[in-house]
C-alpha cells in the first residue's frame, strides 16, 4: 500500500510526455515546452488579466461618479434674498400676459379653497375668463381675462370671497 502511494506521487511530480517536462507547484501543474506555456496556462493568465481589468474599471467608475446627495452649488451660489413669493410671481405672470382684468379671490376666513369653493368660483366666473391660477398654497385664486366680469357675477362672488382688483383697465369695481 505504501509503495503504491509513493509511486503515484513520483508519477505525478515527474511525467514525460512527448518531450515536455512537467513540474508540480502546489496543486497546479504547469507544463513548459522549451520555454512555451501550454494553452491552459495562457487561458488562466488571460482570465486573471480580464478579472483584474473588470475590477479596476468598476472601482474607477465608482470613484468618478457624481454624488447626488452632495449639494455642490451651495458654496457657489449665495441665497437670493430678493425672491418673490409664489403669489407675487403668479400675479406678475398674469400682468405680463396682458390681461386687462385681473382679480384675486380669497376665502373670507383666510383658509384654503376646497372643492366646493372651486366649483362655485368656476360657476360664477364668466365663460370668457382666460386663466385661473391657484396660488399662495391654495388660499388664493388669480383670474385673468380680456373681458369685463358682469356686475351680477362679481356680486355673487363677493358674497362668498374677498376680491382684490389688479386690473389694468381700472373699470371693474
N, C-alpha and C. Protein backbone atom coordinates (compact mmCIF):
# COMPACT_ATOMS: atom_id res chain seq x y z
N UNK A 1 0.81 -1.19 0.00
CA UNK A 1 0.00 0.00 0.00
C UNK A 1 0.85 1.25 0.00
N UNK A 2 1.83 1.23 0.86
CA UNK A 2 2.70 2.38 1.00
C UNK A 2 3.50 2.60 -0.29
N UNK A 3 3.92 1.54 -0.90
CA UNK A 3 4.71 1.65 -2.12
C UNK A 3 3.86 2.25 -3.26
N UNK A 4 2.60 1.88 -3.29
CA UNK A 4 1.72 2.41 -4.33
C UNK A 4 1.58 3.93 -4.19
N UNK A 5 1.41 4.39 -2.98
CA UNK A 5 1.27 5.82 -2.73
C UNK A 5 2.52 6.57 -3.16
N UNK A 6 3.68 6.03 -2.80
CA UNK A 6 4.93 6.69 -3.16
C UNK A 6 5.09 6.70 -4.67
N UNK A 7 4.73 5.61 -5.31
CA UNK A 7 4.86 5.51 -6.74
C UNK A 7 3.94 6.52 -7.44
N UNK A 8 2.73 6.69 -6.93
CA UNK A 8 1.80 7.66 -7.50
C UNK A 8 2.34 9.08 -7.36
N UNK A 9 2.90 9.41 -6.21
CA UNK A 9 3.47 10.74 -6.00
C UNK A 9 4.60 11.01 -6.98
N UNK A 10 5.42 10.06 -7.17
CA UNK A 10 6.54 10.23 -8.10
C UNK A 10 6.02 10.41 -9.51
N UNK A 11 5.01 9.67 -9.88
CA UNK A 11 4.45 9.77 -11.22
C UNK A 11 3.79 11.13 -11.44
N UNK A 12 3.17 11.65 -10.40
CA UNK A 12 2.51 12.95 -10.51
C UNK A 12 3.51 14.08 -10.62
N UNK A 13 4.61 13.98 -9.88
CA UNK A 13 5.56 15.08 -9.89
C UNK A 13 6.43 15.10 -11.12
N UNK A 14 6.74 13.98 -11.69
CA UNK A 14 7.59 13.95 -12.88
C UNK A 14 6.93 13.08 -13.93
N UNK A 15 6.54 13.71 -15.01
CA UNK A 15 5.97 12.98 -16.14
C UNK A 15 6.69 13.44 -17.38
N UNK A 16 6.86 12.55 -18.25
CA UNK A 16 7.46 12.91 -19.53
C UNK A 16 6.46 12.54 -20.60
N UNK A 17 5.98 13.57 -21.30
CA UNK A 17 5.02 13.35 -22.38
C UNK A 17 5.55 14.05 -23.62
N UNK A 18 5.82 13.36 -24.60
CA UNK A 18 6.27 13.85 -25.91
C UNK A 18 7.31 14.96 -25.79
N UNK A 19 8.28 14.78 -24.98
CA UNK A 19 9.38 15.72 -24.86
C UNK A 19 9.10 16.92 -23.97
N UNK A 20 7.91 17.01 -23.37
CA UNK A 20 7.58 18.14 -22.50
C UNK A 20 7.87 17.77 -21.06
N UNK A 21 8.38 18.71 -20.32
CA UNK A 21 8.72 18.46 -18.91
C UNK A 21 7.62 19.04 -18.04
N UNK A 22 7.19 18.28 -17.00
CA UNK A 22 6.12 18.71 -16.11
C UNK A 22 6.67 18.87 -14.71
N UNK A 23 6.37 20.01 -14.10
CA UNK A 23 6.75 20.23 -12.71
C UNK A 23 5.51 20.51 -11.89
N UNK A 24 5.55 20.11 -10.64
CA UNK A 24 4.40 20.31 -9.76
C UNK A 24 4.67 21.49 -8.85
N UNK A 25 3.73 22.45 -8.79
CA UNK A 25 3.81 23.58 -7.88
C UNK A 25 2.52 23.59 -7.07
N UNK A 26 2.59 23.15 -5.87
CA UNK A 26 1.39 23.05 -5.04
C UNK A 26 0.44 22.04 -5.65
N UNK A 27 -0.79 22.47 -5.95
CA UNK A 27 -1.77 21.58 -6.56
C UNK A 27 -1.84 21.76 -8.08
N UNK A 28 -1.37 22.92 -8.61
CA UNK A 28 -1.49 23.19 -10.03
C UNK A 28 -0.25 22.72 -10.76
N UNK A 29 -0.44 22.21 -11.96
CA UNK A 29 0.68 21.77 -12.78
C UNK A 29 0.89 22.76 -13.90
N UNK A 30 2.15 23.06 -14.17
CA UNK A 30 2.46 23.90 -15.32
C UNK A 30 3.34 23.10 -16.24
N UNK A 31 3.07 23.23 -17.50
CA UNK A 31 3.83 22.48 -18.49
C UNK A 31 4.62 23.48 -19.32
N UNK A 32 5.88 23.21 -19.48
CA UNK A 32 6.70 24.06 -20.34
C UNK A 32 7.29 23.19 -21.42
N UNK A 33 7.36 23.74 -22.59
CA UNK A 33 7.92 23.01 -23.73
C UNK A 33 8.94 23.92 -24.38
N UNK A 34 10.13 23.89 -23.91
CA UNK A 34 11.18 24.72 -24.47
C UNK A 34 10.91 26.19 -24.26
N UNK A 35 10.32 26.59 -23.14
CA UNK A 35 10.03 27.99 -22.85
C UNK A 35 8.63 28.42 -23.22
N UNK A 36 7.85 27.60 -23.89
CA UNK A 36 6.47 27.96 -24.25
C UNK A 36 5.51 27.43 -23.19
N UNK A 37 4.48 28.25 -22.89
CA UNK A 37 3.49 27.81 -21.91
C UNK A 37 2.37 27.07 -22.63
N UNK A 38 1.69 26.20 -21.90
CA UNK A 38 0.59 25.45 -22.50
C UNK A 38 -0.64 26.34 -22.66
N UNK A 39 -1.63 25.86 -23.38
CA UNK A 39 -2.85 26.63 -23.63
C UNK A 39 -3.64 26.87 -22.36
N UNK A 40 -3.64 25.92 -21.43
CA UNK A 40 -4.38 26.12 -20.18
C UNK A 40 -3.75 27.23 -19.36
N UNK A 41 -2.45 27.36 -19.38
CA UNK A 41 -1.78 28.42 -18.63
C UNK A 41 -2.10 29.78 -19.25
N UNK A 42 -2.16 29.84 -20.60
CA UNK A 42 -2.48 31.09 -21.26
C UNK A 42 -3.91 31.53 -20.96
N UNK A 43 -4.81 30.57 -20.95
CA UNK A 43 -6.21 30.89 -20.64
C UNK A 43 -6.33 31.38 -19.20
N UNK A 44 -5.65 30.75 -18.29
CA UNK A 44 -5.69 31.16 -16.89
C UNK A 44 -5.13 32.57 -16.74
N UNK A 45 -4.03 32.87 -17.41
CA UNK A 45 -3.44 34.20 -17.33
C UNK A 45 -4.37 35.24 -17.94
N UNK A 46 -5.00 34.90 -19.06
CA UNK A 46 -5.92 35.83 -19.71
C UNK A 46 -7.14 36.08 -18.84
N UNK A 47 -7.66 35.05 -18.20
CA UNK A 47 -8.83 35.23 -17.35
C UNK A 47 -8.48 36.05 -16.11
N UNK A 48 -7.30 35.87 -15.58
CA UNK A 48 -6.88 36.68 -14.44
C UNK A 48 -6.74 38.15 -14.84
N UNK A 49 -6.14 38.38 -16.02
CA UNK A 49 -5.99 39.75 -16.50
C UNK A 49 -7.36 40.39 -16.73
N UNK A 50 -8.28 39.66 -17.33
CA UNK A 50 -9.63 40.17 -17.58
C UNK A 50 -10.35 40.48 -16.28
N UNK A 51 -10.25 39.60 -15.30
CA UNK A 51 -10.89 39.84 -14.00
C UNK A 51 -10.29 41.06 -13.32
N UNK A 52 -8.99 41.23 -13.41
CA UNK A 52 -8.35 42.41 -12.81
C UNK A 52 -8.79 43.68 -13.52
N UNK A 53 -8.91 43.63 -14.85
CA UNK A 53 -9.35 44.80 -15.61
C UNK A 53 -10.78 45.17 -15.26
N UNK A 54 -11.65 44.18 -15.11
CA UNK A 54 -13.05 44.45 -14.74
C UNK A 54 -13.12 45.06 -13.35
N UNK A 55 -12.38 44.52 -12.42
CA UNK A 55 -12.37 45.06 -11.05
C UNK A 55 -11.84 46.49 -11.03
N UNK A 56 -10.79 46.76 -11.76
CA UNK A 56 -10.21 48.09 -11.80
C UNK A 56 -11.17 49.09 -12.43
N UNK A 57 -11.81 48.71 -13.52
CA UNK A 57 -12.75 49.64 -14.16
C UNK A 57 -13.97 49.88 -13.27
N UNK A 58 -14.42 48.88 -12.55
CA UNK A 58 -15.54 49.05 -11.62
C UNK A 58 -15.18 50.01 -10.51
N UNK A 59 -14.01 49.85 -9.95
CA UNK A 59 -13.57 50.75 -8.89
C UNK A 59 -13.43 52.18 -9.40
N UNK A 60 -12.88 52.34 -10.58
CA UNK A 60 -12.73 53.69 -11.13
C UNK A 60 -14.08 54.32 -11.45
N UNK A 61 -15.03 53.53 -11.92
CA UNK A 61 -16.34 54.11 -12.22
C UNK A 61 -17.06 54.56 -10.96
N UNK A 62 -16.89 53.84 -9.86
CA UNK A 62 -17.49 54.29 -8.61
C UNK A 62 -16.79 55.52 -8.06
N UNK A 63 -15.52 55.64 -8.30
CA UNK A 63 -14.76 56.78 -7.78
C UNK A 63 -15.06 58.05 -8.55
N UNK A 64 -15.46 57.94 -9.80
CA UNK A 64 -15.65 59.11 -10.64
C UNK A 64 -17.10 59.50 -10.82
N UNK A 65 -18.03 58.85 -10.18
CA UNK A 65 -19.44 59.17 -10.39
C UNK A 65 -19.83 60.43 -9.63
N UNK A 66 -20.91 61.07 -10.10
CA UNK A 66 -21.45 62.26 -9.45
C UNK A 66 -22.26 61.83 -8.23
N UNK A 67 -21.99 62.46 -7.14
CA UNK A 67 -22.73 62.14 -5.91
C UNK A 67 -23.90 63.10 -5.79
N UNK A 68 -25.10 62.59 -6.00
CA UNK A 68 -26.27 63.45 -6.00
C UNK A 68 -26.67 63.89 -4.59
N UNK A 69 -26.17 63.20 -3.58
CA UNK A 69 -26.55 63.56 -2.23
C UNK A 69 -25.77 64.76 -1.71
N UNK A 70 -24.75 65.18 -2.43
CA UNK A 70 -24.00 66.35 -2.02
C UNK A 70 -24.54 67.56 -2.76
N UNK A 71 -24.67 68.65 -2.07
CA UNK A 71 -25.14 69.88 -2.68
C UNK A 71 -23.91 70.66 -3.12
N UNK A 72 -23.55 70.56 -4.38
CA UNK A 72 -22.33 71.18 -4.86
C UNK A 72 -22.52 72.65 -5.16
N UNK A 73 -23.75 73.11 -5.36
CA UNK A 73 -23.99 74.51 -5.66
C UNK A 73 -24.16 75.36 -4.41
N UNK A 74 -24.13 74.76 -3.24
CA UNK A 74 -24.36 75.51 -2.01
C UNK A 74 -23.27 76.54 -1.76
N UNK A 75 -22.03 76.19 -2.02
CA UNK A 75 -20.93 77.11 -1.77
C UNK A 75 -20.80 78.13 -2.90
N UNK A 76 -21.27 77.80 -4.09
CA UNK A 76 -21.08 78.66 -5.24
C UNK A 76 -22.12 79.78 -5.27
N UNK A 77 -23.40 79.44 -5.11
CA UNK A 77 -24.46 80.42 -5.25
C UNK A 77 -25.01 80.82 -3.88
N UNK A 78 -24.85 82.07 -3.48
CA UNK A 78 -25.43 82.50 -2.22
C UNK A 78 -26.94 82.61 -2.35
N UNK A 79 -27.67 82.43 -1.26
CA UNK A 79 -29.13 82.51 -1.35
C UNK A 79 -29.57 83.91 -1.76
N UNK A 80 -30.58 83.96 -2.62
CA UNK A 80 -31.10 85.22 -3.11
C UNK A 80 -32.14 85.74 -2.13
N UNK A 81 -31.88 86.91 -1.60
CA UNK A 81 -32.77 87.49 -0.59
C UNK A 81 -33.97 88.20 -1.22
N UNK A 82 -33.93 88.45 -2.52
CA UNK A 82 -34.99 89.19 -3.18
C UNK A 82 -35.98 88.27 -3.87
N UNK A 83 -36.14 87.06 -3.39
CA UNK A 83 -37.08 86.13 -4.01
C UNK A 83 -38.51 86.61 -3.79
N UNK A 84 -39.31 86.46 -4.84
CA UNK A 84 -40.71 86.80 -4.72
C UNK A 84 -41.47 85.61 -4.17
N UNK A 85 -42.57 85.90 -3.49
CA UNK A 85 -43.41 84.81 -3.03
C UNK A 85 -44.14 84.23 -4.24
N UNK A 86 -44.75 83.09 -4.05
CA UNK A 86 -45.46 82.47 -5.17
C UNK A 86 -46.62 83.35 -5.62
N UNK A 87 -47.28 84.01 -4.70
CA UNK A 87 -48.39 84.89 -5.07
C UNK A 87 -47.88 86.05 -5.94
N UNK A 88 -46.80 86.69 -5.52
CA UNK A 88 -46.28 87.83 -6.29
C UNK A 88 -45.82 87.42 -7.68
N UNK A 89 -45.15 86.26 -7.76
CA UNK A 89 -44.68 85.82 -9.08
C UNK A 89 -45.86 85.41 -9.97
N UNK A 90 -46.89 84.79 -9.41
CA UNK A 90 -48.07 84.43 -10.20
C UNK A 90 -48.82 85.67 -10.66
N UNK A 91 -48.90 86.66 -9.80
CA UNK A 91 -49.56 87.92 -10.16
C UNK A 91 -48.78 88.62 -11.27
N UNK A 92 -47.48 88.62 -11.17
CA UNK A 92 -46.66 89.23 -12.20
C UNK A 92 -46.80 88.48 -13.53
N UNK A 93 -46.93 87.17 -13.46
CA UNK A 93 -47.15 86.37 -14.67
C UNK A 93 -48.46 86.77 -15.34
N UNK A 94 -49.50 86.97 -14.55
CA UNK A 94 -50.79 87.37 -15.12
C UNK A 94 -50.70 88.78 -15.71
N UNK A 95 -49.95 89.67 -15.08
CA UNK A 95 -49.84 91.03 -15.59
C UNK A 95 -49.02 91.07 -16.88
N UNK A 96 -48.01 90.25 -16.99
CA UNK A 96 -47.21 90.23 -18.21
C UNK A 96 -47.91 89.47 -19.34
N UNK A 97 -48.98 88.75 -19.04
CA UNK A 97 -49.75 88.05 -20.08
C UNK A 97 -50.76 88.98 -20.75
N UNK A 98 -50.73 90.26 -20.38
CA UNK A 98 -51.57 91.31 -20.98
C UNK A 98 -53.06 91.09 -20.76
N UNK A 99 -53.43 90.59 -19.59
CA UNK A 99 -54.84 90.53 -19.25
C UNK A 99 -55.28 91.91 -18.78
N UNK A 100 -56.41 92.36 -19.25
CA UNK A 100 -56.91 93.68 -18.85
C UNK A 100 -57.58 93.63 -17.48
N UNK A 101 -58.16 92.49 -17.15
CA UNK A 101 -58.87 92.35 -15.87
C UNK A 101 -58.25 91.20 -15.08
N UNK A 102 -57.73 91.53 -13.91
CA UNK A 102 -57.10 90.54 -13.04
C UNK A 102 -57.74 90.66 -11.66
N UNK A 103 -58.30 89.55 -11.20
CA UNK A 103 -58.94 89.52 -9.89
C UNK A 103 -58.31 88.42 -9.04
N UNK A 104 -58.13 88.72 -7.77
CA UNK A 104 -57.62 87.73 -6.82
C UNK A 104 -58.76 87.40 -5.87
N UNK A 105 -59.08 86.13 -5.77
CA UNK A 105 -60.17 85.65 -4.92
C UNK A 105 -59.57 84.92 -3.72
N UNK A 106 -60.02 85.30 -2.52
CA UNK A 106 -59.61 84.64 -1.28
C UNK A 106 -60.85 84.34 -0.46
N UNK A 107 -60.80 83.27 0.29
CA UNK A 107 -61.92 82.96 1.19
C UNK A 107 -61.99 84.01 2.28
N UNK A 108 -63.18 84.25 2.77
CA UNK A 108 -63.34 85.27 3.82
C UNK A 108 -62.69 84.85 5.13
N UNK A 109 -62.63 83.55 5.39
CA UNK A 109 -61.98 83.09 6.63
C UNK A 109 -60.46 82.91 6.45
N UNK A 110 -59.94 83.15 5.25
CA UNK A 110 -58.50 83.04 5.01
C UNK A 110 -58.00 81.62 4.81
N UNK A 111 -58.88 80.65 4.78
CA UNK A 111 -58.48 79.25 4.62
C UNK A 111 -58.20 78.89 3.17
N UNK A 112 -57.84 77.65 2.97
CA UNK A 112 -57.56 77.15 1.62
C UNK A 112 -58.85 76.81 0.91
N UNK A 113 -58.84 76.92 -0.41
CA UNK A 113 -60.01 76.59 -1.22
C UNK A 113 -60.24 75.09 -1.20
N UNK A 114 -61.50 74.70 -1.04
CA UNK A 114 -61.85 73.28 -1.15
C UNK A 114 -62.58 73.05 -2.47
N UNK A 115 -63.06 71.85 -2.69
CA UNK A 115 -63.72 71.52 -3.95
C UNK A 115 -64.96 72.33 -4.22
N UNK A 116 -65.76 72.60 -3.17
CA UNK A 116 -66.99 73.39 -3.34
C UNK A 116 -66.67 74.83 -3.71
N UNK A 117 -65.61 75.39 -3.10
CA UNK A 117 -65.22 76.77 -3.42
C UNK A 117 -64.79 76.87 -4.89
N UNK A 118 -64.05 75.89 -5.35
CA UNK A 118 -63.59 75.91 -6.74
C UNK A 118 -64.77 75.80 -7.70
N UNK A 119 -65.72 74.94 -7.38
CA UNK A 119 -66.90 74.80 -8.24
C UNK A 119 -67.71 76.10 -8.27
N UNK A 120 -67.86 76.74 -7.12
CA UNK A 120 -68.61 78.00 -7.03
C UNK A 120 -67.91 79.09 -7.84
N UNK A 121 -66.59 79.15 -7.72
CA UNK A 121 -65.82 80.15 -8.45
C UNK A 121 -65.95 79.94 -9.95
N UNK A 122 -65.83 78.72 -10.41
CA UNK A 122 -65.95 78.43 -11.85
C UNK A 122 -67.38 78.67 -12.35
N UNK A 123 -68.35 78.36 -11.53
CA UNK A 123 -69.75 78.53 -11.96
C UNK A 123 -70.13 80.00 -12.08
N UNK A 124 -69.58 80.86 -11.23
CA UNK A 124 -69.96 82.27 -11.25
C UNK A 124 -69.00 83.16 -12.02
N UNK A 125 -67.90 82.62 -12.48
CA UNK A 125 -67.00 83.40 -13.33
C UNK A 125 -67.51 83.32 -14.76
N UNK A 126 -67.37 84.39 -15.52
CA UNK A 126 -67.85 84.34 -16.91
C UNK A 126 -67.05 83.33 -17.74
N UNK A 127 -67.68 82.84 -18.77
CA UNK A 127 -67.04 81.84 -19.63
C UNK A 127 -65.83 82.41 -20.36
N UNK A 128 -65.76 83.73 -20.49
CA UNK A 128 -64.66 84.37 -21.20
C UNK A 128 -63.39 84.49 -20.36
N UNK A 129 -63.44 84.03 -19.11
CA UNK A 129 -62.24 84.09 -18.26
C UNK A 129 -61.18 83.19 -18.87
N UNK A 130 -60.03 83.78 -19.16
CA UNK A 130 -59.00 83.06 -19.89
C UNK A 130 -58.16 82.13 -19.02
N UNK A 131 -57.86 82.55 -17.79
CA UNK A 131 -56.94 81.75 -16.99
C UNK A 131 -57.24 81.89 -15.50
N UNK A 132 -57.14 80.73 -14.81
CA UNK A 132 -57.20 80.69 -13.35
C UNK A 132 -55.88 80.10 -12.85
N UNK A 133 -55.32 80.69 -11.81
CA UNK A 133 -54.11 80.15 -11.19
C UNK A 133 -54.37 80.02 -9.70
N UNK A 134 -54.17 78.82 -9.17
CA UNK A 134 -54.22 78.62 -7.72
C UNK A 134 -52.85 78.99 -7.17
N UNK A 135 -52.81 79.82 -6.15
CA UNK A 135 -51.54 80.30 -5.61
C UNK A 135 -51.63 80.43 -4.10
N UNK A 136 -50.53 80.78 -3.50
CA UNK A 136 -50.46 81.02 -2.05
C UNK A 136 -50.89 79.77 -1.28
N UNK A 137 -50.38 78.61 -1.69
CA UNK A 137 -50.69 77.32 -1.06
C UNK A 137 -52.18 77.00 -1.09
N UNK A 138 -52.84 77.34 -2.19
CA UNK A 138 -54.25 77.03 -2.36
C UNK A 138 -55.19 77.96 -1.62
N UNK A 139 -54.67 79.06 -1.07
CA UNK A 139 -55.53 80.01 -0.34
C UNK A 139 -56.01 81.16 -1.21
N UNK A 140 -55.54 81.23 -2.46
CA UNK A 140 -55.97 82.31 -3.35
C UNK A 140 -56.04 81.78 -4.77
N UNK A 141 -56.96 82.38 -5.55
CA UNK A 141 -57.05 82.11 -6.98
C UNK A 141 -56.92 83.44 -7.70
N UNK A 142 -56.11 83.44 -8.75
CA UNK A 142 -55.97 84.63 -9.58
C UNK A 142 -56.66 84.32 -10.90
N UNK A 143 -57.58 85.22 -11.31
CA UNK A 143 -58.30 85.06 -12.57
C UNK A 143 -57.87 86.17 -13.50
N UNK A 144 -57.55 85.79 -14.74
CA UNK A 144 -57.19 86.78 -15.75
C UNK A 144 -58.12 86.68 -16.93
N UNK A 145 -58.53 87.86 -17.42
CA UNK A 145 -59.47 87.89 -18.53
C UNK A 145 -59.25 89.13 -19.38
N UNK A 146 -59.61 89.03 -20.63
CA UNK A 146 -59.59 90.19 -21.53
C UNK A 146 -60.94 90.92 -21.49
N UNK A 147 -61.92 90.26 -20.85
CA UNK A 147 -63.27 90.82 -20.84
C UNK A 147 -63.70 91.17 -19.42
N UNK A 148 -64.55 92.13 -19.30
CA UNK A 148 -65.08 92.60 -18.02
C UNK A 148 -66.00 91.56 -17.39
N UNK A 149 -65.85 91.34 -16.08
CA UNK A 149 -66.78 90.46 -15.37
C UNK A 149 -68.11 91.20 -15.26
N UNK A 150 -69.22 90.56 -15.58
CA UNK A 150 -70.52 91.22 -15.40
C UNK A 150 -70.77 91.51 -13.92
N UNK A 151 -71.40 92.65 -13.60
CA UNK A 151 -71.65 93.00 -12.19
C UNK A 151 -72.42 91.96 -11.39
N UNK A 152 -73.43 91.26 -11.96
CA UNK A 152 -74.10 90.23 -11.14
C UNK A 152 -73.14 89.08 -10.75
N UNK A 153 -72.23 88.73 -11.63
CA UNK A 153 -71.27 87.67 -11.30
C UNK A 153 -70.32 88.15 -10.20
N UNK A 154 -69.85 89.37 -10.31
CA UNK A 154 -68.94 89.90 -9.27
C UNK A 154 -69.64 89.97 -7.92
N UNK A 155 -70.91 90.34 -7.90
CA UNK A 155 -71.64 90.42 -6.63
C UNK A 155 -71.83 89.03 -6.03
N UNK A 156 -72.12 88.03 -6.86
CA UNK A 156 -72.28 86.67 -6.36
C UNK A 156 -70.96 86.16 -5.78
N UNK A 157 -69.86 86.49 -6.42
CA UNK A 157 -68.55 86.07 -5.92
C UNK A 157 -68.15 86.84 -4.66
N UNK A 158 -68.54 88.11 -4.56
CA UNK A 158 -68.22 88.92 -3.36
C UNK A 158 -68.96 88.41 -2.13
N UNK A 159 -70.09 87.75 -2.32
CA UNK A 159 -70.83 87.22 -1.17
C UNK A 159 -70.04 86.10 -0.50
N UNK A 160 -69.23 85.37 -1.25
CA UNK A 160 -68.51 84.23 -0.69
C UNK A 160 -67.01 84.49 -0.53
N UNK A 161 -66.43 85.38 -1.35
CA UNK A 161 -64.98 85.59 -1.35
C UNK A 161 -64.64 87.07 -1.19
N UNK A 162 -63.43 87.32 -0.70
CA UNK A 162 -62.85 88.66 -0.75
C UNK A 162 -62.19 88.79 -2.12
N UNK A 163 -62.44 89.90 -2.80
CA UNK A 163 -61.93 90.08 -4.15
C UNK A 163 -61.00 91.29 -4.17
N UNK A 164 -59.79 91.08 -4.69
CA UNK A 164 -58.84 92.17 -4.88
C UNK A 164 -58.74 92.42 -6.38
N UNK A 165 -58.82 93.68 -6.78
CA UNK A 165 -58.81 94.03 -8.19
C UNK A 165 -57.43 94.55 -8.58
N UNK A 166 -56.77 93.87 -9.49
CA UNK A 166 -55.46 94.28 -10.02
C UNK A 166 -55.57 94.57 -11.52
N UNK A 167 -56.74 94.98 -11.95
CA UNK A 167 -56.99 95.19 -13.36
C UNK A 167 -56.21 96.39 -13.87
N UNK A 168 -55.76 96.30 -15.12
CA UNK A 168 -55.05 97.41 -15.73
C UNK A 168 -56.03 98.42 -16.28
N UNK A 169 -57.25 97.96 -16.62
CA UNK A 169 -58.25 98.86 -17.16
C UNK A 169 -58.84 99.75 -16.08
N UNK A 170 -58.93 99.25 -14.85
CA UNK A 170 -59.44 100.04 -13.72
C UNK A 170 -60.93 100.31 -13.80
N UNK A 171 -61.64 99.65 -14.70
CA UNK A 171 -63.07 99.90 -14.87
C UNK A 171 -63.93 98.96 -14.05
N UNK A 172 -63.39 97.82 -13.63
CA UNK A 172 -64.22 96.83 -12.94
C UNK A 172 -64.15 97.06 -11.43
N UNK A 173 -65.23 97.52 -10.87
CA UNK A 173 -65.28 97.71 -9.42
C UNK A 173 -66.62 97.43 -8.87
